[in-house]
Every structure is written in structure tokens, then in C-alpha cells.
């Protein structure tokens, strides 16, 4: 199991609060030195960027007030090296284009297995180093 020596902060955007809490619990258990901040809106996620140094963003593809692509563009303007992991129901041409433009670093298709989430998070943390 990968363990991180420094505290990492993960920003989680989920339209379903239960999914957001589940992801938070999984990340905190797997990476014991991780803090998680949750929001159900893109505006909330952008505001959270002002409150802490963020090491990873995990977000739904579609939030009530903006798409993950718009969110990612705003996040990457503030921190170009910030890894963004997108959760999607169906991969699409929008997702492929976003990955080519480096707006999104990786994606998981829902439903996903816990091991897929923790492996993707570990890879994203490695990008942030």
C-alpha cells in the first residue's frame, strides 16, 4: 500500500452527496495523510481553491452550475500542474478533446471499483509531486 509522508488535500466535486462522502472515506482510508474538501458545485470547488493548497481534484463530469471542462480550465489557469480526475457515466468526444488539451489528466467510468479510484488517485498524486 502506498503511504504518503506529507498531508495531501483532495477537492471532490460530486452532485450526489453520498458519492462525495464515499470517495472522501476511500481516499482518507487509503491515503491516511489526506484531507478532503467536498462541494456539489463548480463555484464551490473554485472557492475552495482559495482556502487550501489542493493536490488533486476528483469531480463529476457535469455539476449543476458548470461542466468539469469549464471547471478544469479555471483550475488549471490557477495551477497548471493540478491533476484533475474526472468521473463520467460515458466517455465522450468532449472527454477525449479535454484530455488532448490537457484540461483533464485522467478519467474513471462509473460505476468504478474502489481499487480503480485509489490507483488513479495514487497516479495523480505522483503527477502533483
Protein backbone atom coordinates (compact mmCIF):
# COMPACT_ATOMS: atom_id res chain seq x y z
CA UNK A 1 0.00 0.00 0.00
CA UNK A 2 1.29 3.44 -0.91
CA UNK A 3 1.58 5.76 2.02
CA UNK A 4 2.26 9.45 1.75
CA UNK A 5 4.51 11.21 4.20
CA UNK A 6 3.02 14.66 3.72
CA UNK A 7 -0.57 15.75 4.02
CA UNK A 8 -2.42 15.90 0.72
CA UNK A 9 -5.62 17.83 0.11
CA UNK A 10 -8.18 16.42 -2.29
CA UNK A 11 -11.01 18.51 -3.67
CA UNK A 12 -14.07 16.40 -4.51
CA UNK A 13 -16.91 17.62 -6.71
CA UNK A 14 -19.95 15.36 -6.65
CA UNK A 15 -23.57 16.10 -7.49
CA UNK A 16 -24.57 13.19 -5.25
CA UNK A 17 -23.55 13.92 -1.63
CA UNK A 18 -23.40 10.20 -0.81
CA UNK A 19 -20.92 9.60 -3.62
CA UNK A 20 -18.82 12.54 -2.46
CA UNK A 21 -18.72 11.19 1.10
CA UNK A 22 -17.87 7.69 -0.14
CA UNK A 23 -14.98 8.98 -2.25
CA UNK A 24 -13.77 11.04 0.72
CA UNK A 25 -13.83 7.99 3.02
CA UNK A 26 -12.00 5.85 0.47
CA UNK A 27 -9.28 8.47 -0.08
CA UNK A 28 -8.83 9.08 3.65
CA UNK A 29 -8.54 5.35 4.38
CA UNK A 30 -6.18 4.59 1.53
CA UNK A 31 -4.02 7.68 1.90
CA UNK A 32 -4.08 8.21 5.63
CA UNK A 33 -2.47 11.61 5.48
CA UNK A 34 -5.13 13.07 3.16
CA UNK A 35 -7.71 15.77 3.80
CA UNK A 36 -10.79 16.02 1.63
CA UNK A 37 -12.96 19.01 0.81
CA UNK A 38 -16.35 18.40 -0.82
CA UNK A 39 -18.65 20.55 -2.90
CA UNK A 40 -21.61 19.88 -5.17
CA UNK A 41 -20.96 22.91 -7.38
CA UNK A 42 -18.20 24.22 -9.60
CA UNK A 43 -18.35 27.59 -7.86
CA UNK A 44 -17.81 25.84 -4.52
CA UNK A 45 -14.81 23.98 -5.87
CA UNK A 46 -13.29 27.18 -7.24
CA UNK A 47 -13.84 28.91 -3.90
CA UNK A 48 -12.14 26.01 -2.10
CA UNK A 49 -9.02 26.70 -4.17
CA UNK A 50 -8.70 29.95 -2.17
CA UNK A 51 -8.87 28.09 1.15
CA UNK A 52 -6.17 25.46 0.78
CA UNK A 53 -3.36 24.15 -1.38
CA UNK A 54 -5.05 21.46 -3.44
CA UNK A 55 -3.11 18.39 -4.59
CA UNK A 56 -5.84 16.60 -6.56
CA UNK A 57 -9.33 17.32 -7.89
CA UNK A 58 -11.81 14.47 -8.37
CA UNK A 59 -15.02 15.68 -9.97
CA UNK A 60 -18.18 14.57 -11.72
CA UNK A 61 -18.28 15.40 -15.40
CA UNK A 62 -21.40 17.54 -15.00
CA UNK A 63 -22.01 19.73 -11.96
CA UNK A 64 -25.21 21.79 -11.55
CA UNK A 65 -23.56 25.10 -12.41
CA UNK A 66 -20.79 24.11 -14.84
CA UNK A 67 -19.18 21.26 -16.69
CA UNK A 68 -16.00 19.67 -15.44
CA UNK A 69 -14.32 21.02 -18.58
CA UNK A 70 -15.09 24.64 -17.67
CA UNK A 71 -14.13 23.90 -14.06
CA UNK A 72 -10.86 22.31 -15.13
CA UNK A 73 -9.97 25.26 -17.37
CA UNK A 74 -10.43 27.60 -14.39
CA UNK A 75 -8.49 25.33 -12.04
CA UNK A 76 -5.61 24.89 -14.49
CA UNK A 77 -5.40 28.67 -15.01
CA UNK A 78 -4.71 28.98 -11.28
CA UNK A 79 -2.45 25.92 -11.07
CA UNK A 80 -1.41 24.38 -14.42
CA UNK A 81 0.07 21.31 -12.70
CA UNK A 82 -3.03 20.46 -10.65
CA UNK A 83 -4.15 16.91 -11.52
CA UNK A 84 -7.84 16.55 -12.40
CA UNK A 85 -9.55 13.14 -12.29
CA UNK A 86 -12.94 13.16 -13.96
CA UNK A 87 -15.80 10.77 -13.14
CA UNK A 88 -18.09 10.08 -16.08
CA UNK A 89 -21.03 7.85 -16.90
CA UNK A 90 -19.98 7.55 -20.55
CA UNK A 91 -16.69 8.56 -22.19
CA UNK A 92 -17.36 11.04 -24.99
CA UNK A 93 -15.67 13.12 -27.65
CA UNK A 94 -15.74 16.04 -25.16
CA UNK A 95 -13.67 13.97 -22.75
CA UNK A 96 -11.18 12.93 -25.43
CA UNK A 97 -10.76 16.55 -26.52
CA UNK A 98 -10.30 17.71 -22.92
CA UNK A 99 -7.59 15.12 -22.35
CA UNK A 100 -5.80 16.15 -25.56
CA UNK A 101 -5.94 19.79 -24.44
CA UNK A 102 -4.60 18.72 -21.01
CA UNK A 103 -7.68 20.03 -19.18
CA UNK A 104 -8.31 16.59 -17.67
CA UNK A 105 -5.49 14.26 -16.64
CA UNK A 106 -7.45 11.01 -16.26
CA UNK A 107 -10.98 9.68 -16.00
CA UNK A 108 -12.92 6.82 -14.46
CA UNK A 109 -16.14 5.48 -15.88
CA UNK A 110 -18.96 4.98 -13.37
CA UNK A 111 -19.52 2.62 -11.79
CA UNK A 112 -15.89 2.15 -10.80
CA UNK A 113 -14.19 -0.21 -8.40
CA UNK A 114 -12.52 1.13 -5.25
CA UNK A 115 -9.15 -0.15 -6.46
CA UNK A 116 -9.54 1.82 -9.69
CA UNK A 117 -10.18 5.00 -7.70
CA UNK A 118 -7.25 4.51 -5.34
CA UNK A 119 -4.89 3.56 -8.19
CA UNK A 120 -5.92 6.61 -10.20
CA UNK A 121 -5.52 8.84 -7.13
CA UNK A 122 -2.03 7.42 -6.46
CA UNK A 123 -1.06 8.14 -10.07
CA UNK A 124 -2.47 11.67 -9.82
CA UNK A 125 -0.60 12.31 -6.55
CA UNK A 126 2.59 11.25 -8.34
CA UNK A 127 1.86 13.84 -11.05
CA UNK A 128 1.48 16.54 -8.41
CA UNK A 129 4.95 15.91 -6.96
